[in-house]
Amino acid sequence: MEKVTQLVARIMLALIFLIAGLQKIGGYEGTQGYMESAGVPGMLLPLVILLEVGGGLALIAGWQTKLTAVVLALFTLAAAALFHNNFSDQMQTILFMKNIAMAGGLLLLAVYGAGGCSVDSFRARKAA
């Protein structure tokens, strides 16, 4: 049961990145404009999409989980600081706190790893 719970938790964390990355592809120009309005160069959008989609898939598979979790945690904290820093707007405050909570979950993955139902676990058993 523990292995399944760890898998479900990884999927739950990963889905927000995967879906957000895929939505950015469909709304490329709007997302690029939003980034630029916050002072972030729009030319970074392909890297953001790659990070979100690739990172989300890596978390789901449990591949390079500790590294992926650290990178996504840092990305999530940066996004909170850059895009959700208007604390006079209740929605932005909620989004900021959502990012903080997500980063906390990712840091737990960075410390404890993916768990038994993962590529990382399979590779460790194969190497032993």
N, C-alpha and C. Protein backbone atom coordinates (compact mmCIF):
# COMPACT_ATOMS: atom_id res chain seq x y z
N MET A 1 0.82 -1.20 0.00
CA MET A 1 0.00 0.00 0.00
C MET A 1 0.86 1.27 0.00
N GLU A 2 1.98 1.22 0.72
CA GLU A 2 2.87 2.38 0.80
C GLU A 2 3.40 2.77 -0.57
N LYS A 3 3.80 1.77 -1.37
CA LYS A 3 4.34 2.04 -2.70
C LYS A 3 3.30 2.69 -3.60
N VAL A 4 2.08 2.22 -3.51
CA VAL A 4 1.00 2.79 -4.33
C VAL A 4 0.71 4.23 -3.89
N THR A 5 0.70 4.47 -2.59
CA THR A 5 0.47 5.81 -2.07
C THR A 5 1.56 6.77 -2.55
N GLN A 6 2.80 6.32 -2.54
CA GLN A 6 3.90 7.17 -3.02
C GLN A 6 3.72 7.48 -4.51
N LEU A 7 3.31 6.49 -5.28
CA LEU A 7 3.07 6.70 -6.71
C LEU A 7 1.94 7.71 -6.92
N VAL A 8 0.84 7.55 -6.20
CA VAL A 8 -0.29 8.48 -6.32
C VAL A 8 0.14 9.89 -5.93
N ALA A 9 0.92 10.03 -4.86
CA ALA A 9 1.39 11.35 -4.43
C ALA A 9 2.26 12.00 -5.51
N ARG A 10 3.15 11.21 -6.12
CA ARG A 10 3.99 11.76 -7.19
C ARG A 10 3.13 12.22 -8.37
N ILE A 11 2.15 11.42 -8.72
CA ILE A 11 1.26 11.78 -9.84
C ILE A 11 0.51 13.07 -9.51
N MET A 12 0.02 13.18 -8.28
CA MET A 12 -0.71 14.38 -7.89
C MET A 12 0.17 15.63 -7.96
N LEU A 13 1.40 15.52 -7.53
CA LEU A 13 2.33 16.66 -7.63
C LEU A 13 2.68 16.96 -9.09
N ALA A 14 2.85 15.92 -9.87
CA ALA A 14 3.31 16.08 -11.25
C ALA A 14 2.26 16.66 -12.17
N LEU A 15 0.99 16.33 -11.92
CA LEU A 15 -0.06 16.74 -12.85
C LEU A 15 -0.13 18.24 -13.06
N ILE A 16 0.09 19.02 -12.02
CA ILE A 16 0.00 20.47 -12.19
C ILE A 16 1.07 20.98 -13.16
N PHE A 17 2.26 20.37 -13.11
CA PHE A 17 3.33 20.78 -14.03
C PHE A 17 3.03 20.31 -15.45
N LEU A 18 2.62 19.06 -15.58
CA LEU A 18 2.33 18.50 -16.89
C LEU A 18 1.21 19.28 -17.59
N ILE A 19 0.12 19.49 -16.89
CA ILE A 19 -1.02 20.20 -17.49
C ILE A 19 -0.66 21.66 -17.79
N ALA A 20 0.04 22.32 -16.88
CA ALA A 20 0.42 23.72 -17.11
C ALA A 20 1.34 23.84 -18.32
N GLY A 21 2.29 22.91 -18.44
CA GLY A 21 3.18 22.94 -19.59
C GLY A 21 2.45 22.73 -20.90
N LEU A 22 1.53 21.79 -20.92
CA LEU A 22 0.76 21.53 -22.15
C LEU A 22 -0.15 22.71 -22.48
N GLN A 23 -0.73 23.34 -21.47
CA GLN A 23 -1.57 24.52 -21.72
C GLN A 23 -0.75 25.68 -22.27
N LYS A 24 0.50 25.79 -21.84
CA LYS A 24 1.35 26.86 -22.35
C LYS A 24 1.63 26.68 -23.84
N ILE A 25 1.66 25.45 -24.31
CA ILE A 25 1.85 25.21 -25.75
C ILE A 25 0.65 25.75 -26.51
N GLY A 26 -0.55 25.45 -26.02
CA GLY A 26 -1.77 25.91 -26.69
C GLY A 26 -1.98 27.42 -26.59
N GLY A 27 -1.51 28.02 -25.54
CA GLY A 27 -1.66 29.46 -25.35
C GLY A 27 -0.31 30.16 -25.36
N TYR A 28 0.52 29.77 -26.31
CA TYR A 28 1.92 30.20 -26.34
C TYR A 28 2.06 31.73 -26.31
N GLU A 29 1.40 32.41 -27.23
CA GLU A 29 1.57 33.86 -27.33
C GLU A 29 1.08 34.59 -26.09
N GLY A 30 -0.05 34.15 -25.55
CA GLY A 30 -0.58 34.77 -24.33
C GLY A 30 0.35 34.56 -23.15
N THR A 31 0.89 33.35 -23.03
CA THR A 31 1.81 33.06 -21.93
C THR A 31 3.09 33.86 -22.08
N GLN A 32 3.57 33.96 -23.31
CA GLN A 32 4.79 34.73 -23.57
C GLN A 32 4.58 36.20 -23.17
N GLY A 33 3.43 36.74 -23.52
CA GLY A 33 3.11 38.12 -23.16
C GLY A 33 3.01 38.30 -21.66
N TYR A 34 2.41 37.33 -20.97
CA TYR A 34 2.28 37.40 -19.51
C TYR A 34 3.66 37.36 -18.86
N MET A 35 4.53 36.50 -19.35
CA MET A 35 5.89 36.43 -18.82
C MET A 35 6.59 37.77 -18.99
N GLU A 36 6.48 38.34 -20.18
CA GLU A 36 7.16 39.60 -20.46
C GLU A 36 6.60 40.73 -19.61
N SER A 37 5.29 40.69 -19.33
CA SER A 37 4.69 41.74 -18.48
C SER A 37 5.22 41.68 -17.05
N ALA A 38 5.75 40.51 -16.65
CA ALA A 38 6.34 40.35 -15.32
C ALA A 38 7.85 40.54 -15.34
N GLY A 39 8.39 40.93 -16.51
CA GLY A 39 9.82 41.18 -16.61
C GLY A 39 10.65 39.95 -16.92
N VAL A 40 10.00 38.85 -17.30
CA VAL A 40 10.71 37.61 -17.64
C VAL A 40 10.76 37.51 -19.17
N PRO A 41 11.95 37.32 -19.73
CA PRO A 41 12.05 37.25 -21.19
C PRO A 41 11.17 36.13 -21.77
N GLY A 42 10.34 36.48 -22.75
CA GLY A 42 9.46 35.51 -23.38
C GLY A 42 10.19 34.39 -24.09
N MET A 43 11.46 34.64 -24.46
CA MET A 43 12.23 33.60 -25.16
C MET A 43 12.54 32.42 -24.24
N LEU A 44 12.28 32.56 -22.93
CA LEU A 44 12.49 31.45 -22.00
C LEU A 44 11.32 30.47 -21.97
N LEU A 45 10.23 30.82 -22.65
CA LEU A 45 9.04 29.98 -22.59
C LEU A 45 9.29 28.54 -23.05
N PRO A 46 10.04 28.28 -24.13
CA PRO A 46 10.29 26.88 -24.48
C PRO A 46 10.98 26.09 -23.36
N LEU A 47 11.88 26.74 -22.63
CA LEU A 47 12.53 26.07 -21.50
C LEU A 47 11.55 25.80 -20.36
N VAL A 48 10.64 26.73 -20.15
CA VAL A 48 9.62 26.55 -19.11
C VAL A 48 8.73 25.37 -19.47
N ILE A 49 8.31 25.31 -20.74
CA ILE A 49 7.46 24.20 -21.20
C ILE A 49 8.20 22.88 -21.05
N LEU A 50 9.44 22.85 -21.46
CA LEU A 50 10.24 21.63 -21.35
C LEU A 50 10.39 21.21 -19.89
N LEU A 51 10.65 22.17 -19.02
CA LEU A 51 10.79 21.87 -17.60
C LEU A 51 9.49 21.33 -17.01
N GLU A 52 8.37 21.98 -17.33
CA GLU A 52 7.10 21.56 -16.75
C GLU A 52 6.65 20.20 -17.30
N VAL A 53 6.69 20.03 -18.61
CA VAL A 53 6.24 18.76 -19.19
C VAL A 53 7.24 17.65 -18.86
N GLY A 54 8.52 17.91 -19.10
CA GLY A 54 9.54 16.90 -18.82
C GLY A 54 9.64 16.57 -17.35
N GLY A 55 9.59 17.60 -16.51
CA GLY A 55 9.65 17.37 -15.07
C GLY A 55 8.43 16.62 -14.55
N GLY A 56 7.27 16.98 -15.07
CA GLY A 56 6.05 16.28 -14.68
C GLY A 56 6.10 14.80 -15.05
N LEU A 57 6.54 14.52 -16.27
CA LEU A 57 6.65 13.12 -16.71
C LEU A 57 7.71 12.37 -15.91
N ALA A 58 8.82 13.03 -15.60
CA ALA A 58 9.87 12.39 -14.80
C ALA A 58 9.37 12.04 -13.41
N LEU A 59 8.59 12.94 -12.80
CA LEU A 59 8.04 12.65 -11.48
C LEU A 59 7.06 11.49 -11.53
N ILE A 60 6.21 11.47 -12.54
CA ILE A 60 5.25 10.38 -12.67
C ILE A 60 5.97 9.04 -12.79
N ALA A 61 7.00 9.01 -13.63
CA ALA A 61 7.77 7.77 -13.82
C ALA A 61 8.65 7.46 -12.63
N GLY A 62 8.97 8.47 -11.84
CA GLY A 62 9.91 8.27 -10.74
C GLY A 62 11.33 8.12 -11.25
N TRP A 63 11.68 8.93 -12.24
CA TRP A 63 13.01 8.89 -12.87
C TRP A 63 13.78 10.15 -12.46
N GLN A 64 14.97 9.93 -11.91
CA GLN A 64 15.80 11.06 -11.44
C GLN A 64 14.96 11.95 -10.51
N THR A 65 14.23 11.31 -9.63
CA THR A 65 13.22 11.99 -8.83
C THR A 65 13.82 13.05 -7.92
N LYS A 66 14.89 12.75 -7.24
CA LYS A 66 15.46 13.72 -6.29
C LYS A 66 15.93 14.98 -7.00
N LEU A 67 16.65 14.82 -8.10
CA LEU A 67 17.12 15.97 -8.86
C LEU A 67 15.93 16.74 -9.46
N THR A 68 15.01 16.02 -10.07
CA THR A 68 13.85 16.67 -10.68
C THR A 68 13.06 17.44 -9.64
N ALA A 69 12.88 16.85 -8.46
CA ALA A 69 12.12 17.52 -7.40
C ALA A 69 12.80 18.81 -6.95
N VAL A 70 14.10 18.80 -6.83
CA VAL A 70 14.83 20.02 -6.43
C VAL A 70 14.66 21.10 -7.50
N VAL A 71 14.84 20.74 -8.75
CA VAL A 71 14.72 21.71 -9.84
C VAL A 71 13.30 22.28 -9.90
N LEU A 72 12.29 21.41 -9.79
CA LEU A 72 10.92 21.90 -9.83
C LEU A 72 10.57 22.73 -8.59
N ALA A 73 11.13 22.39 -7.44
CA ALA A 73 10.89 23.19 -6.24
C ALA A 73 11.46 24.61 -6.43
N LEU A 74 12.67 24.70 -6.94
CA LEU A 74 13.28 26.01 -7.18
C LEU A 74 12.48 26.81 -8.22
N PHE A 75 12.06 26.13 -9.27
CA PHE A 75 11.23 26.75 -10.31
C PHE A 75 9.93 27.28 -9.72
N THR A 76 9.30 26.47 -8.87
CA THR A 76 8.03 26.83 -8.26
C THR A 76 8.17 28.03 -7.33
N LEU A 77 9.26 28.06 -6.57
CA LEU A 77 9.51 29.20 -5.68
C LEU A 77 9.79 30.47 -6.49
N ALA A 78 10.53 30.32 -7.59
CA ALA A 78 10.80 31.48 -8.45
C ALA A 78 9.50 31.99 -9.07
N ALA A 79 8.64 31.07 -9.52
CA ALA A 79 7.36 31.48 -10.10
C ALA A 79 6.50 32.20 -9.07
N ALA A 80 6.52 31.73 -7.84
CA ALA A 80 5.76 32.39 -6.77
C ALA A 80 6.26 33.82 -6.58
N ALA A 81 7.56 33.97 -6.51
CA ALA A 81 8.15 35.30 -6.27
C ALA A 81 7.91 36.24 -7.45
N LEU A 82 7.98 35.73 -8.67
CA LEU A 82 7.87 36.58 -9.86
C LEU A 82 6.43 36.90 -10.26
N PHE A 83 5.54 35.93 -10.12
CA PHE A 83 4.20 36.08 -10.68
C PHE A 83 3.07 36.20 -9.65
N HIS A 84 3.34 35.85 -8.41
CA HIS A 84 2.26 35.85 -7.41
C HIS A 84 2.67 36.65 -6.17
N ASN A 85 3.22 37.83 -6.40
CA ASN A 85 3.77 38.63 -5.29
C ASN A 85 2.89 39.82 -4.91
N ASN A 86 1.70 39.90 -5.46
CA ASN A 86 0.79 41.00 -5.12
C ASN A 86 -0.10 40.54 -3.97
N PHE A 87 0.36 40.75 -2.74
CA PHE A 87 -0.34 40.24 -1.58
C PHE A 87 -1.58 41.04 -1.21
N SER A 88 -1.84 42.14 -1.91
CA SER A 88 -3.10 42.86 -1.70
C SER A 88 -4.23 42.20 -2.48
N ASP A 89 -3.88 41.30 -3.39
CA ASP A 89 -4.85 40.53 -4.18
C ASP A 89 -4.96 39.14 -3.55
N GLN A 90 -6.13 38.83 -3.00
CA GLN A 90 -6.31 37.56 -2.29
C GLN A 90 -5.99 36.35 -3.18
N MET A 91 -6.38 36.40 -4.46
CA MET A 91 -6.10 35.27 -5.35
C MET A 91 -4.60 35.08 -5.54
N GLN A 92 -3.86 36.16 -5.68
CA GLN A 92 -2.41 36.05 -5.84
C GLN A 92 -1.76 35.51 -4.57
N THR A 93 -2.29 35.89 -3.43
CA THR A 93 -1.78 35.36 -2.15
C THR A 93 -2.03 33.86 -2.08
N ILE A 94 -3.22 33.42 -2.48
CA ILE A 94 -3.53 32.00 -2.48
C ILE A 94 -2.60 31.25 -3.44
N LEU A 95 -2.38 31.80 -4.63
CA LEU A 95 -1.49 31.16 -5.59
C LEU A 95 -0.05 31.11 -5.08
N PHE A 96 0.37 32.17 -4.39
CA PHE A 96 1.70 32.18 -3.79
C PHE A 96 1.83 31.05 -2.77
N MET A 97 0.84 30.93 -1.89
CA MET A 97 0.87 29.88 -0.87
C MET A 97 0.77 28.48 -1.49
N LYS A 98 0.01 28.34 -2.59
CA LYS A 98 -0.06 27.07 -3.31
C LYS A 98 1.33 26.67 -3.79
N ASN A 99 2.06 27.62 -4.33
CA ASN A 99 3.41 27.34 -4.81
C ASN A 99 4.34 26.95 -3.66
N ILE A 100 4.19 27.62 -2.53
CA ILE A 100 5.01 27.29 -1.36
C ILE A 100 4.71 25.85 -0.92
N ALA A 101 3.43 25.49 -0.88
CA ALA A 101 3.04 24.13 -0.48
C ALA A 101 3.57 23.10 -1.46
N MET A 102 3.47 23.40 -2.75
CA MET A 102 4.00 22.47 -3.76
C MET A 102 5.50 22.29 -3.60
N ALA A 103 6.20 23.38 -3.37
CA ALA A 103 7.65 23.28 -3.18
C ALA A 103 7.97 22.42 -1.96
N GLY A 104 7.16 22.53 -0.91
CA GLY A 104 7.36 21.68 0.27
C GLY A 104 7.21 20.21 -0.07
N GLY A 105 6.19 19.87 -0.80
CA GLY A 105 6.01 18.48 -1.22
C GLY A 105 7.15 17.99 -2.09
N LEU A 106 7.61 18.85 -2.98
CA LEU A 106 8.74 18.49 -3.85
C LEU A 106 10.01 18.28 -3.04
N LEU A 107 10.22 19.10 -2.02
CA LEU A 107 11.41 18.93 -1.19
C LEU A 107 11.36 17.61 -0.42
N LEU A 108 10.16 17.18 -0.02
CA LEU A 108 10.04 15.86 0.60
C LEU A 108 10.46 14.76 -0.38
N LEU A 109 10.05 14.90 -1.64
CA LEU A 109 10.49 13.94 -2.66
C LEU A 109 12.00 13.99 -2.83
N ALA A 110 12.56 15.18 -2.78
CA ALA A 110 14.01 15.32 -2.94
C ALA A 110 14.76 14.61 -1.82
N VAL A 111 14.19 14.60 -0.63
CA VAL A 111 14.84 13.96 0.51
C VAL A 111 14.61 12.45 0.51
N TYR A 112 13.36 12.04 0.31
CA TYR A 112 13.00 10.63 0.49
C TYR A 112 12.96 9.82 -0.81
N GLY A 113 12.97 10.48 -1.95
CA GLY A 113 12.97 9.76 -3.21
C GLY A 113 11.58 9.36 -3.65
N ALA A 114 11.54 8.60 -4.73
CA ALA A 114 10.29 8.29 -5.42
C ALA A 114 9.49 7.18 -4.78
N GLY A 115 10.13 6.30 -4.05
CA GLY A 115 9.42 5.15 -3.51
C GLY A 115 9.56 3.94 -4.40
N GLY A 116 8.86 2.88 -4.03
CA GLY A 116 9.04 1.58 -4.67
C GLY A 116 8.53 1.46 -6.09
N CYS A 117 7.44 2.13 -6.44
CA CYS A 117 6.88 2.05 -7.80
C CYS A 117 7.50 3.16 -8.65
N SER A 118 8.74 2.98 -9.02
CA SER A 118 9.43 4.03 -9.77
C SER A 118 10.59 3.47 -10.57
N VAL A 119 10.98 4.20 -11.58
CA VAL A 119 12.16 3.84 -12.36
C VAL A 119 13.39 3.87 -11.46
N ASP A 120 13.47 4.85 -10.58
CA ASP A 120 14.62 4.95 -9.67
C ASP A 120 14.76 3.68 -8.82
N SER A 121 13.65 3.21 -8.28
CA SER A 121 13.68 2.01 -7.45
C SER A 121 14.06 0.77 -8.27
N PHE A 122 13.50 0.67 -9.48
CA PHE A 122 13.83 -0.45 -10.35
C PHE A 122 15.32 -0.46 -10.69
N ARG A 123 15.86 0.70 -11.01
CA ARG A 123 17.27 0.79 -11.35
C ARG A 123 18.16 0.46 -10.15
N ALA A 124 17.75 0.86 -8.95
CA ALA A 124 18.54 0.57 -7.74
C ALA A 124 18.53 -0.93 -7.44
N ARG A 125 17.36 -1.57 -7.62
CA ARG A 125 17.29 -3.03 -7.39
C ARG A 125 18.12 -3.78 -8.44
N LYS A 126 18.10 -3.31 -9.66
CA LYS A 126 18.85 -3.96 -10.75
C LYS A 126 20.35 -3.82 -10.52
N ALA A 127 20.78 -2.67 -9.98
CA ALA A 127 22.21 -2.43 -9.74
C ALA A 127 22.73 -3.21 -8.54
N ALA A 128 21.84 -3.59 -7.64
CA ALA A 128 22.27 -4.28 -6.40
C ALA A 128 22.59 -5.75 -6.64
